[in-house]
Amino acid sequence: MVLTSSKQPRKQRKALYNAPLHLRNNLMSAMLSKELKEKLNKNSIPLKKGDLVKVMRGNFKGVEGEVTNVSYRNYNVVVAGVVNKKQDGTEKSYPIHPSNLMIVKLDDSDDKRFKNANN
């Protein structure tokens, strides 16, 4: 999906920040595990609430959890089990960019999702 034909980083960033919400879904894609790649013949698929993902980069590398929230406005995903402890002892969810995640198991409650994935 091409938002702009320019190669300039500033214009690429501007296109990303000003992209309409209906196009941001494809930008919120994460890579698939080897088994899912072979099954779906795809390298990546847009994330959805309920998917089981593994964190591949950052402080939470190796943590597996279910996607609890997908924010198209901020380009981030909240994963169960990925939390920061605050000073007062409470836990706060830590948002992660989808490029740092790998989908281990897909949420199969939506039939349309798999029809689109096989195209």
N, C-alpha and C. Protein backbone atom coordinates (compact mmCIF):
# COMPACT_ATOMS: atom_id res chain seq x y z
N MET A 1 0.85 -1.17 0.00
CA MET A 1 0.00 0.00 0.00
C MET A 1 0.89 1.24 0.00
N VAL A 2 0.71 2.08 -0.99
CA VAL A 2 1.52 3.28 -1.13
C VAL A 2 0.70 4.49 -0.72
N LEU A 3 1.18 5.22 0.27
CA LEU A 3 0.50 6.43 0.71
C LEU A 3 0.96 7.64 -0.10
N THR A 4 2.22 7.62 -0.52
CA THR A 4 2.77 8.72 -1.30
C THR A 4 3.84 8.17 -2.23
N SER A 5 4.07 8.85 -3.34
CA SER A 5 5.08 8.39 -4.29
C SER A 5 6.45 8.97 -3.98
N SER A 6 6.52 9.87 -3.03
CA SER A 6 7.78 10.53 -2.69
C SER A 6 8.69 9.58 -1.92
N LYS A 7 9.99 9.78 -2.08
CA LYS A 7 10.98 9.01 -1.32
C LYS A 7 11.49 9.77 -0.11
N GLN A 8 11.11 11.04 -0.01
CA GLN A 8 11.61 11.87 1.08
C GLN A 8 11.03 11.40 2.42
N PRO A 9 11.90 11.19 3.41
CA PRO A 9 11.43 10.73 4.72
C PRO A 9 10.38 11.64 5.35
N ARG A 10 10.54 12.95 5.19
CA ARG A 10 9.57 13.85 5.82
C ARG A 10 8.18 13.69 5.20
N LYS A 11 8.12 13.42 3.90
CA LYS A 11 6.83 13.23 3.25
C LYS A 11 6.25 11.85 3.56
N GLN A 12 7.13 10.86 3.73
CA GLN A 12 6.68 9.53 4.15
C GLN A 12 6.06 9.60 5.54
N ARG A 13 6.73 10.31 6.46
CA ARG A 13 6.21 10.46 7.82
C ARG A 13 4.89 11.21 7.82
N LYS A 14 4.82 12.28 7.04
CA LYS A 14 3.59 13.08 6.98
C LYS A 14 2.43 12.23 6.46
N ALA A 15 2.69 11.42 5.43
CA ALA A 15 1.64 10.56 4.88
C ALA A 15 1.19 9.53 5.92
N LEU A 16 2.13 9.02 6.70
CA LEU A 16 1.81 8.05 7.74
C LEU A 16 0.94 8.68 8.83
N TYR A 17 1.32 9.87 9.27
CA TYR A 17 0.59 10.55 10.34
C TYR A 17 -0.79 11.02 9.89
N ASN A 18 -0.93 11.36 8.62
CA ASN A 18 -2.20 11.89 8.10
C ASN A 18 -3.03 10.85 7.36
N ALA A 19 -2.64 9.58 7.43
CA ALA A 19 -3.38 8.52 6.73
C ALA A 19 -4.77 8.38 7.33
N PRO A 20 -5.79 8.18 6.47
CA PRO A 20 -7.14 7.98 6.99
C PRO A 20 -7.25 6.65 7.75
N LEU A 21 -8.19 6.59 8.69
CA LEU A 21 -8.31 5.41 9.55
C LEU A 21 -8.60 4.13 8.78
N HIS A 22 -9.32 4.22 7.66
CA HIS A 22 -9.65 3.00 6.93
C HIS A 22 -8.42 2.42 6.21
N LEU A 23 -7.36 3.19 6.03
CA LEU A 23 -6.13 2.68 5.43
C LEU A 23 -5.11 2.25 6.49
N ARG A 24 -5.30 2.67 7.71
CA ARG A 24 -4.34 2.34 8.77
C ARG A 24 -4.39 0.87 9.15
N ASN A 25 -5.48 0.18 8.83
CA ASN A 25 -5.60 -1.24 9.16
C ASN A 25 -4.46 -2.04 8.55
N ASN A 26 -4.14 -1.78 7.27
CA ASN A 26 -3.07 -2.52 6.62
C ASN A 26 -1.70 -2.16 7.18
N LEU A 27 -1.57 -0.95 7.70
CA LEU A 27 -0.30 -0.53 8.28
C LEU A 27 -0.06 -1.18 9.64
N MET A 28 -1.12 -1.74 10.22
CA MET A 28 -1.03 -2.38 11.54
C MET A 28 -0.84 -3.89 11.38
N SER A 29 0.02 -4.30 10.46
CA SER A 29 0.26 -5.71 10.20
C SER A 29 1.46 -6.21 10.99
N ALA A 30 1.41 -7.48 11.34
CA ALA A 30 2.54 -8.13 12.02
C ALA A 30 2.89 -9.40 11.26
N MET A 31 4.16 -9.80 11.36
CA MET A 31 4.59 -11.00 10.65
C MET A 31 3.95 -12.24 11.26
N LEU A 32 3.88 -13.28 10.45
CA LEU A 32 3.28 -14.54 10.87
C LEU A 32 4.37 -15.54 11.27
N SER A 33 4.02 -16.49 12.13
CA SER A 33 4.94 -17.57 12.48
C SER A 33 5.12 -18.48 11.26
N LYS A 34 6.13 -19.34 11.30
CA LYS A 34 6.43 -20.21 10.16
C LYS A 34 5.24 -21.08 9.78
N GLU A 35 4.55 -21.63 10.79
CA GLU A 35 3.41 -22.50 10.52
C GLU A 35 2.28 -21.74 9.81
N LEU A 36 2.01 -20.53 10.29
CA LEU A 36 0.94 -19.73 9.68
C LEU A 36 1.33 -19.25 8.29
N LYS A 37 2.62 -18.96 8.06
CA LYS A 37 3.08 -18.56 6.73
C LYS A 37 2.81 -19.66 5.72
N GLU A 38 3.13 -20.90 6.10
CA GLU A 38 2.91 -22.03 5.20
C GLU A 38 1.42 -22.26 4.96
N LYS A 39 0.62 -22.10 6.00
CA LYS A 39 -0.81 -22.35 5.90
C LYS A 39 -1.52 -21.30 5.05
N LEU A 40 -1.18 -20.02 5.23
CA LEU A 40 -1.90 -18.93 4.57
C LEU A 40 -1.19 -18.38 3.33
N ASN A 41 0.05 -18.80 3.09
CA ASN A 41 0.85 -18.27 1.97
C ASN A 41 0.96 -16.75 2.02
N LYS A 42 1.13 -16.22 3.21
CA LYS A 42 1.30 -14.78 3.42
C LYS A 42 2.43 -14.58 4.41
N ASN A 43 3.07 -13.41 4.35
CA ASN A 43 4.12 -13.08 5.31
C ASN A 43 3.59 -12.32 6.51
N SER A 44 2.56 -11.51 6.29
CA SER A 44 2.00 -10.71 7.38
C SER A 44 0.51 -10.51 7.18
N ILE A 45 -0.16 -10.20 8.29
CA ILE A 45 -1.61 -9.99 8.29
C ILE A 45 -1.91 -8.90 9.31
N PRO A 46 -2.91 -8.04 9.06
CA PRO A 46 -3.27 -7.02 10.04
C PRO A 46 -3.70 -7.65 11.37
N LEU A 47 -3.27 -7.04 12.46
CA LEU A 47 -3.60 -7.53 13.79
C LEU A 47 -5.06 -7.29 14.13
N LYS A 48 -5.58 -8.15 15.00
CA LYS A 48 -6.96 -8.04 15.45
C LYS A 48 -7.01 -8.43 16.92
N LYS A 49 -7.94 -7.84 17.63
CA LYS A 49 -8.13 -8.18 19.04
C LYS A 49 -8.43 -9.67 19.15
N GLY A 50 -7.72 -10.36 20.02
CA GLY A 50 -7.92 -11.79 20.21
C GLY A 50 -6.80 -12.64 19.64
N ASP A 51 -5.95 -12.08 18.78
CA ASP A 51 -4.81 -12.81 18.24
C ASP A 51 -3.80 -13.10 19.34
N LEU A 52 -3.14 -14.24 19.24
CA LEU A 52 -2.05 -14.56 20.17
C LEU A 52 -0.75 -14.15 19.50
N VAL A 53 0.02 -13.28 20.15
CA VAL A 53 1.25 -12.75 19.56
C VAL A 53 2.44 -12.97 20.48
N LYS A 54 3.62 -12.90 19.89
CA LYS A 54 4.87 -12.99 20.63
C LYS A 54 5.67 -11.73 20.36
N VAL A 55 6.21 -11.13 21.41
CA VAL A 55 7.01 -9.92 21.27
C VAL A 55 8.41 -10.33 20.81
N MET A 56 8.88 -9.73 19.71
CA MET A 56 10.16 -10.11 19.12
C MET A 56 11.28 -9.12 19.42
N ARG A 57 10.95 -7.89 19.80
CA ARG A 57 11.95 -6.86 20.04
C ARG A 57 11.62 -6.09 21.31
N GLY A 58 12.63 -5.50 21.92
CA GLY A 58 12.41 -4.62 23.05
C GLY A 58 12.58 -5.31 24.40
N ASN A 59 12.19 -4.59 25.45
CA ASN A 59 12.36 -5.08 26.82
C ASN A 59 11.50 -6.30 27.12
N PHE A 60 10.41 -6.48 26.39
CA PHE A 60 9.49 -7.59 26.65
C PHE A 60 9.69 -8.73 25.66
N LYS A 61 10.86 -8.82 25.04
CA LYS A 61 11.15 -9.84 24.04
C LYS A 61 10.89 -11.23 24.60
N GLY A 62 10.16 -12.05 23.83
CA GLY A 62 9.87 -13.42 24.22
C GLY A 62 8.54 -13.60 24.92
N VAL A 63 7.89 -12.51 25.32
CA VAL A 63 6.61 -12.60 26.03
C VAL A 63 5.50 -12.91 25.03
N GLU A 64 4.67 -13.89 25.35
CA GLU A 64 3.51 -14.21 24.53
C GLU A 64 2.26 -13.77 25.25
N GLY A 65 1.30 -13.26 24.49
CA GLY A 65 0.04 -12.83 25.08
C GLY A 65 -1.00 -12.54 24.02
N GLU A 66 -2.21 -12.35 24.48
CA GLU A 66 -3.32 -12.06 23.58
C GLU A 66 -3.44 -10.56 23.37
N VAL A 67 -3.76 -10.17 22.15
CA VAL A 67 -3.96 -8.75 21.84
C VAL A 67 -5.26 -8.31 22.50
N THR A 68 -5.18 -7.30 23.36
CA THR A 68 -6.37 -6.81 24.05
C THR A 68 -6.90 -5.52 23.46
N ASN A 69 -6.05 -4.78 22.75
CA ASN A 69 -6.49 -3.51 22.16
C ASN A 69 -5.59 -3.18 20.97
N VAL A 70 -6.21 -2.69 19.88
CA VAL A 70 -5.47 -2.23 18.71
C VAL A 70 -5.84 -0.78 18.49
N SER A 71 -4.85 0.11 18.57
CA SER A 71 -5.10 1.54 18.41
C SER A 71 -4.61 1.99 17.03
N TYR A 72 -5.56 2.25 16.13
CA TYR A 72 -5.20 2.69 14.79
C TYR A 72 -4.74 4.15 14.81
N ARG A 73 -5.20 4.91 15.77
CA ARG A 73 -4.80 6.32 15.85
C ARG A 73 -3.33 6.47 16.24
N ASN A 74 -2.87 5.63 17.17
CA ASN A 74 -1.50 5.75 17.68
C ASN A 74 -0.54 4.73 17.09
N TYR A 75 -1.02 3.86 16.20
CA TYR A 75 -0.20 2.80 15.61
C TYR A 75 0.44 1.93 16.69
N ASN A 76 -0.34 1.49 17.67
CA ASN A 76 0.22 0.58 18.66
C ASN A 76 -0.81 -0.45 19.10
N VAL A 77 -0.29 -1.48 19.77
CA VAL A 77 -1.09 -2.63 20.18
C VAL A 77 -0.82 -2.88 21.66
N VAL A 78 -1.87 -3.25 22.39
CA VAL A 78 -1.71 -3.62 23.80
C VAL A 78 -1.83 -5.14 23.89
N VAL A 79 -0.83 -5.76 24.51
CA VAL A 79 -0.77 -7.21 24.65
C VAL A 79 -0.91 -7.57 26.12
N ALA A 80 -1.74 -8.57 26.40
CA ALA A 80 -1.91 -9.04 27.78
C ALA A 80 -0.58 -9.61 28.27
N GLY A 81 -0.18 -9.23 29.47
CA GLY A 81 1.07 -9.71 30.05
C GLY A 81 2.24 -8.77 29.83
N VAL A 82 2.05 -7.75 29.00
CA VAL A 82 3.10 -6.75 28.78
C VAL A 82 2.69 -5.50 29.54
N VAL A 83 3.22 -5.38 30.77
CA VAL A 83 2.83 -4.27 31.64
C VAL A 83 4.05 -3.64 32.29
N ASN A 84 3.95 -2.37 32.60
CA ASN A 84 4.95 -1.64 33.38
C ASN A 84 4.41 -1.45 34.78
N LYS A 85 5.28 -1.60 35.77
CA LYS A 85 4.88 -1.36 37.14
C LYS A 85 5.12 0.10 37.47
N LYS A 86 4.09 0.78 37.96
CA LYS A 86 4.21 2.18 38.32
C LYS A 86 4.81 2.32 39.72
N GLN A 87 5.14 3.54 40.08
CA GLN A 87 5.79 3.81 41.36
C GLN A 87 4.91 3.38 42.54
N ASP A 88 3.59 3.54 42.39
CA ASP A 88 2.69 3.18 43.49
C ASP A 88 2.34 1.69 43.51
N GLY A 89 2.93 0.90 42.60
CA GLY A 89 2.72 -0.54 42.61
C GLY A 89 1.67 -1.03 41.62
N THR A 90 0.89 -0.13 41.06
CA THR A 90 -0.12 -0.55 40.09
C THR A 90 0.55 -0.86 38.75
N GLU A 91 -0.13 -1.68 37.96
CA GLU A 91 0.40 -2.06 36.66
C GLU A 91 -0.33 -1.32 35.56
N LYS A 92 0.42 -0.89 34.55
CA LYS A 92 -0.15 -0.16 33.42
C LYS A 92 0.27 -0.87 32.14
N SER A 93 -0.69 -1.06 31.23
CA SER A 93 -0.37 -1.74 29.97
C SER A 93 0.62 -0.91 29.16
N TYR A 94 1.49 -1.61 28.45
CA TYR A 94 2.56 -0.97 27.69
C TYR A 94 2.28 -1.17 26.21
N PRO A 95 2.08 -0.08 25.45
CA PRO A 95 1.78 -0.22 24.02
C PRO A 95 3.02 -0.61 23.21
N ILE A 96 2.82 -1.47 22.21
CA ILE A 96 3.91 -1.96 21.37
C ILE A 96 3.55 -1.74 19.91
N HIS A 97 4.54 -1.36 19.11
CA HIS A 97 4.32 -1.18 17.67
C HIS A 97 4.20 -2.57 17.02
N PRO A 98 3.27 -2.74 16.06
CA PRO A 98 3.04 -4.06 15.47
C PRO A 98 4.25 -4.66 14.75
N SER A 99 5.20 -3.83 14.32
CA SER A 99 6.39 -4.36 13.64
C SER A 99 7.27 -5.16 14.59
N ASN A 100 7.05 -5.02 15.89
CA ASN A 100 7.84 -5.74 16.89
C ASN A 100 7.15 -7.01 17.37
N LEU A 101 6.07 -7.40 16.71
CA LEU A 101 5.29 -8.57 17.12
C LEU A 101 5.29 -9.64 16.04
N MET A 102 5.04 -10.89 16.46
CA MET A 102 4.84 -11.99 15.53
C MET A 102 3.55 -12.70 15.93
N ILE A 103 2.67 -12.93 14.98
CA ILE A 103 1.41 -13.61 15.25
C ILE A 103 1.67 -15.11 15.36
N VAL A 104 1.30 -15.69 16.50
CA VAL A 104 1.49 -17.11 16.75
C VAL A 104 0.21 -17.88 16.45
N LYS A 105 -0.94 -17.30 16.83
CA LYS A 105 -2.23 -17.95 16.60
C LYS A 105 -3.25 -16.86 16.26
N LEU A 106 -4.01 -17.09 15.19
CA LEU A 106 -5.00 -16.12 14.75
C LEU A 106 -6.33 -16.33 15.45
N ASP A 107 -7.05 -15.24 15.67
CA ASP A 107 -8.41 -15.30 16.19
C ASP A 107 -9.31 -15.69 15.02
N ASP A 108 -9.89 -16.89 15.08
CA ASP A 108 -10.64 -17.41 13.93
C ASP A 108 -12.14 -17.18 14.02
N SER A 109 -12.58 -16.19 14.80
CA SER A 109 -14.01 -15.94 14.93
C SER A 109 -14.58 -15.19 13.73
N ASP A 110 -13.73 -14.56 12.91
CA ASP A 110 -14.19 -13.78 11.77
C ASP A 110 -13.87 -14.53 10.48
N ASP A 111 -14.92 -14.99 9.77
CA ASP A 111 -14.72 -15.75 8.53
C ASP A 111 -14.20 -14.88 7.39
N LYS A 112 -14.62 -13.63 7.35
CA LYS A 112 -14.20 -12.73 6.28
C LYS A 112 -12.69 -12.50 6.30
N ARG A 113 -12.12 -12.55 7.47
CA ARG A 113 -10.68 -12.31 7.61
C ARG A 113 -9.88 -13.34 6.84
N PHE A 114 -10.31 -14.60 6.85
CA PHE A 114 -9.58 -15.65 6.17
C PHE A 114 -9.85 -15.65 4.68
N LYS A 115 -11.02 -15.20 4.27
CA LYS A 115 -11.28 -15.06 2.84
C LYS A 115 -10.36 -14.03 2.24
N ASN A 116 -10.16 -12.91 2.94
CA ASN A 116 -9.26 -11.86 2.47
C ASN A 116 -7.81 -12.32 2.53
N ALA A 117 -7.48 -13.14 3.50
CA ALA A 117 -6.09 -13.58 3.67
C ALA A 117 -5.67 -14.51 2.55
N ASN A 118 -6.60 -15.26 1.99
CA ASN A 118 -6.26 -16.22 0.96
C ASN A 118 -6.19 -15.61 -0.43
N ASN A 119 -6.58 -14.37 -0.58
CA ASN A 119 -6.52 -13.71 -1.89
C ASN A 119 -5.12 -13.32 -2.25
